[in-house]
Amino acid sequence: MTARRLLQLFAWACVAAIATLSLVAPTWRPVTVLPHNLEHAAIFALAGFAAGLGYPARPALTAVAFVIFSGAIELAQIPVPGRHARLSDFAIDALAACAGVGAAFVIGKLWPTRQRPA
């Protein structure tokens, strides 16, 4: 399995974890020592970074997809008891994911992968 494929799988695992942890009851959500906003920023930046490296051909499309995903996750929390849709969470999530995609883009430009011989 290639490194790109592993990064793609990791990015999708992050997306699945975000969706799951965002929609379960608050008592089922793991608690960390990190502040709430930093937790959000960290997982979304990691997901964006992995997706940016795993899918390097269209970074703008990847970033837009994460903005939409961030909004969808917040809206999906509305009917979940004990969960709250927050504009601040959406902004942090979307910005962090886009920063992750952007960092992956820059790294991809600085360290391009070698092409395999045909």
C-alpha atoms as a PDB file:
ATOM      1  CA  MET A   1       0.000   0.000   0.000  1.00  0.00           C
ATOM      2  CA  THR A   2       1.353   3.397  -0.945  1.00  0.00           C
ATOM      3  CA  ALA A   3       1.923   6.277   1.438  1.00  0.00           C
ATOM      4  CA  ARG A   4      -0.707   8.307  -0.408  1.00  0.00           C
ATOM      5  CA  ARG A   5      -3.287   5.554   0.081  1.00  0.00           C
ATOM      6  CA  LEU A   6      -2.441   5.344   3.798  1.00  0.00           C
ATOM      7  CA  LEU A   7      -2.884   9.110   4.106  1.00  0.00           C
ATOM      8  CA  GLN A   8      -6.242   8.871   2.346  1.00  0.00           C
ATOM      9  CA  LEU A   9      -7.375   6.147   4.732  1.00  0.00           C
ATOM     10  CA  PHE A  10      -6.155   8.148   7.714  1.00  0.00           C
ATOM     11  CA  ALA A  11      -7.991  11.253   6.478  1.00  0.00           C
ATOM     12  CA  TRP A  12     -11.229   9.277   6.139  1.00  0.00           C
ATOM     13  CA  ALA A  13     -10.696   7.759   9.586  1.00  0.00           C
ATOM     14  CA  CYS A  14     -10.352  11.295  11.000  1.00  0.00           C
ATOM     15  CA  VAL A  15     -13.557  12.363   9.229  1.00  0.00           C
ATOM     16  CA  ALA A  16     -15.383   9.311  10.601  1.00  0.00           C
ATOM     17  CA  ALA A  17     -14.064   9.979  14.111  1.00  0.00           C
ATOM     18  CA  ILE A  18     -15.096  13.630  13.920  1.00  0.00           C
ATOM     19  CA  ALA A  19     -18.597  12.703  12.766  1.00  0.00           C
ATOM     20  CA  THR A  20     -19.003  10.005  15.395  1.00  0.00           C
ATOM     21  CA  LEU A  21     -17.678  12.031  18.308  1.00  0.00           C
ATOM     22  CA  SER A  22     -19.682  15.075  17.248  1.00  0.00           C
ATOM     23  CA  LEU A  23     -22.979  13.221  17.202  1.00  0.00           C
ATOM     24  CA  VAL A  24     -22.818  10.957  20.253  1.00  0.00           C
ATOM     25  CA  ALA A  25     -24.190  11.962  23.607  1.00  0.00           C
ATOM     26  CA  PRO A  26     -21.772  14.195  25.521  1.00  0.00           C
ATOM     27  CA  THR A  27     -21.275  11.510  28.154  1.00  0.00           C
ATOM     28  CA  TRP A  28     -19.864   9.152  25.491  1.00  0.00           C
ATOM     29  CA  ARG A  29     -17.372  11.690  24.191  1.00  0.00           C
ATOM     30  CA  PRO A  30     -13.829  11.279  25.492  1.00  0.00           C
ATOM     31  CA  VAL A  31     -12.535  14.170  27.558  1.00  0.00           C
ATOM     32  CA  THR A  32      -9.003  15.477  27.107  1.00  0.00           C
ATOM     33  CA  VAL A  33      -6.978  18.027  29.015  1.00  0.00           C
ATOM     34  CA  LEU A  34      -6.998  20.322  25.981  1.00  0.00           C
ATOM     35  CA  PRO A  35      -9.301  23.339  25.796  1.00  0.00           C
ATOM     36  CA  HIS A  36     -12.446  22.790  23.723  1.00  0.00           C
ATOM     37  CA  ASN A  37     -11.342  25.048  20.850  1.00  0.00           C
ATOM     38  CA  LEU A  38      -7.904  23.460  20.674  1.00  0.00           C
ATOM     39  CA  GLU A  39      -9.449  19.975  20.506  1.00  0.00           C
ATOM     40  CA  HIS A  40     -11.529  21.112  17.535  1.00  0.00           C
ATOM     41  CA  ALA A  41      -8.629  22.822  15.801  1.00  0.00           C
ATOM     42  CA  ALA A  42      -6.277  19.882  16.289  1.00  0.00           C
ATOM     43  CA  ILE A  43      -8.478  17.138  14.854  1.00  0.00           C
ATOM     44  CA  PHE A  44      -9.718  19.248  11.939  1.00  0.00           C
ATOM     45  CA  ALA A  45      -6.189  20.437  11.097  1.00  0.00           C
ATOM     46  CA  LEU A  46      -4.951  16.843  11.229  1.00  0.00           C
ATOM     47  CA  ALA A  47      -7.801  15.665   8.996  1.00  0.00           C
ATOM     48  CA  GLY A  48      -7.195  18.525   6.551  1.00  0.00           C
ATOM     49  CA  PHE A  49      -3.464  17.870   6.500  1.00  0.00           C
ATOM     50  CA  ALA A  50      -3.917  14.139   5.844  1.00  0.00           C
ATOM     51  CA  ALA A  51      -6.517  14.801   3.144  1.00  0.00           C
ATOM     52  CA  GLY A  52      -4.320  17.467   1.573  1.00  0.00           C
ATOM     53  CA  LEU A  53      -1.410  15.038   1.336  1.00  0.00           C
ATOM     54  CA  GLY A  54      -3.617  12.121   0.334  1.00  0.00           C
ATOM     55  CA  TYR A  55      -5.486  14.041  -2.351  1.00  0.00           C
ATOM     56  CA  PRO A  56      -2.957  16.620  -3.590  1.00  0.00           C
ATOM     57  CA  ALA A  57      -4.452  17.263  -7.036  1.00  0.00           C
ATOM     58  CA  ARG A  58      -7.229  19.645  -5.897  1.00  0.00           C
ATOM     59  CA  PRO A  59      -6.418  21.409  -2.640  1.00  0.00           C
ATOM     60  CA  ALA A  60      -9.085  24.098  -3.131  1.00  0.00           C
ATOM     61  CA  LEU A  61     -11.774  21.470  -3.621  1.00  0.00           C
ATOM     62  CA  THR A  62     -10.548  19.599  -0.551  1.00  0.00           C
ATOM     63  CA  ALA A  63     -10.673  22.792   1.517  1.00  0.00           C
ATOM     64  CA  VAL A  64     -14.199  23.610   0.307  1.00  0.00           C
ATOM     65  CA  ALA A  65     -15.299  20.063   1.136  1.00  0.00           C
ATOM     66  CA  PHE A  66     -14.012  20.513   4.696  1.00  0.00           C
ATOM     67  CA  VAL A  67     -15.829  23.833   5.064  1.00  0.00           C
ATOM     68  CA  ILE A  68     -19.063  22.128   3.992  1.00  0.00           C
ATOM     69  CA  PHE A  69     -18.340  19.173   6.283  1.00  0.00           C
ATOM     70  CA  SER A  70     -17.678  21.527   9.206  1.00  0.00           C
ATOM     71  CA  GLY A  71     -21.021  23.228   8.667  1.00  0.00           C
ATOM     72  CA  ALA A  72     -22.849  19.929   8.230  1.00  0.00           C
ATOM     73  CA  ILE A  73     -21.424  18.562  11.482  1.00  0.00           C
ATOM     74  CA  GLU A  74     -22.561  21.630  13.400  1.00  0.00           C
ATOM     75  CA  LEU A  75     -26.049  21.481  11.889  1.00  0.00           C
ATOM     76  CA  ALA A  76     -26.301  17.747  12.551  1.00  0.00           C
ATOM     77  CA  GLN A  77     -25.768  18.406  16.260  1.00  0.00           C
ATOM     78  CA  ILE A  78     -28.971  20.462  16.565  1.00  0.00           C
ATOM     79  CA  PRO A  79     -31.320  17.501  17.227  1.00  0.00           C
ATOM     80  CA  VAL A  80     -28.817  15.618  19.425  1.00  0.00           C
ATOM     81  CA  PRO A  81     -29.675  16.000  23.128  1.00  0.00           C
ATOM     82  CA  GLY A  82     -26.881  17.702  25.027  1.00  0.00           C
ATOM     83  CA  ARG A  83     -25.046  18.844  21.871  1.00  0.00           C
ATOM     84  CA  HIS A  84     -24.951  22.397  20.564  1.00  0.00           C
ATOM     85  CA  ALA A  85     -24.364  23.847  17.125  1.00  0.00           C
ATOM     86  CA  ARG A  86     -22.007  26.797  17.519  1.00  0.00           C
ATOM     87  CA  LEU A  87     -20.880  29.285  14.926  1.00  0.00           C
ATOM     88  CA  SER A  88     -17.540  29.548  16.746  1.00  0.00           C
ATOM     89  CA  ASP A  89     -16.997  25.775  16.430  1.00  0.00           C
ATOM     90  CA  PHE A  90     -17.812  25.949  12.726  1.00  0.00           C
ATOM     91  CA  ALA A  91     -15.327  28.781  12.214  1.00  0.00           C
ATOM     92  CA  ILE A  92     -12.556  27.038  14.150  1.00  0.00           C
ATOM     93  CA  ASP A  93     -13.199  23.703  12.437  1.00  0.00           C
ATOM     94  CA  ALA A  94     -13.318  25.140   8.934  1.00  0.00           C
ATOM     95  CA  LEU A  95     -10.268  27.369   9.418  1.00  0.00           C
ATOM     96  CA  ALA A  96      -8.210  24.588  10.989  1.00  0.00           C
ATOM     97  CA  ALA A  97      -9.096  22.120   8.234  1.00  0.00           C
ATOM     98  CA  CYS A  98      -8.217  24.684   5.568  1.00  0.00           C
ATOM     99  CA  ALA A  99      -4.938  25.421   7.365  1.00  0.00           C
ATOM    100  CA  GLY A 100      -4.171  21.694   7.339  1.00  0.00           C
ATOM    101  CA  VAL A 101      -4.913  21.438   3.612  1.00  0.00           C
ATOM    102  CA  GLY A 102      -2.813  24.554   3.021  1.00  0.00           C
ATOM    103  CA  ALA A 103       0.116  23.168   4.996  1.00  0.00           C
ATOM    104  CA  ALA A 104      -0.077  19.943   2.986  1.00  0.00           C
ATOM    105  CA  PHE A 105      -0.091  21.964  -0.241  1.00  0.00           C
ATOM    106  CA  VAL A 106       3.020  23.912   0.795  1.00  0.00           C
ATOM    107  CA  ILE A 107       4.820  20.753   1.890  1.00  0.00           C
ATOM    108  CA  GLY A 108       3.854  19.088  -1.384  1.00  0.00           C
ATOM    109  CA  LYS A 109       5.415  21.971  -3.297  1.00  0.00           C
ATOM    110  CA  LEU A 110       8.574  21.987  -1.187  1.00  0.00           C
ATOM    111  CA  TRP A 111       9.088  18.211  -1.274  1.00  0.00           C
ATOM    112  CA  PRO A 112       7.575  16.909  -4.493  1.00  0.00           C
ATOM    113  CA  THR A 113       7.408  13.165  -4.859  1.00  0.00           C
ATOM    114  CA  ARG A 114       9.498  11.448  -7.469  1.00  0.00           C
ATOM    115  CA  GLN A 115       7.676  10.124 -10.479  1.00  0.00           C
ATOM    116  CA  ARG A 116       7.942   6.417 -11.172  1.00  0.00           C
ATOM    117  CA  PRO A 117       9.582   5.465 -14.444  1.00  0.00           C
ATOM    118  CA  ALA A 118       7.074   4.534 -17.138  1.00  0.00           C
END
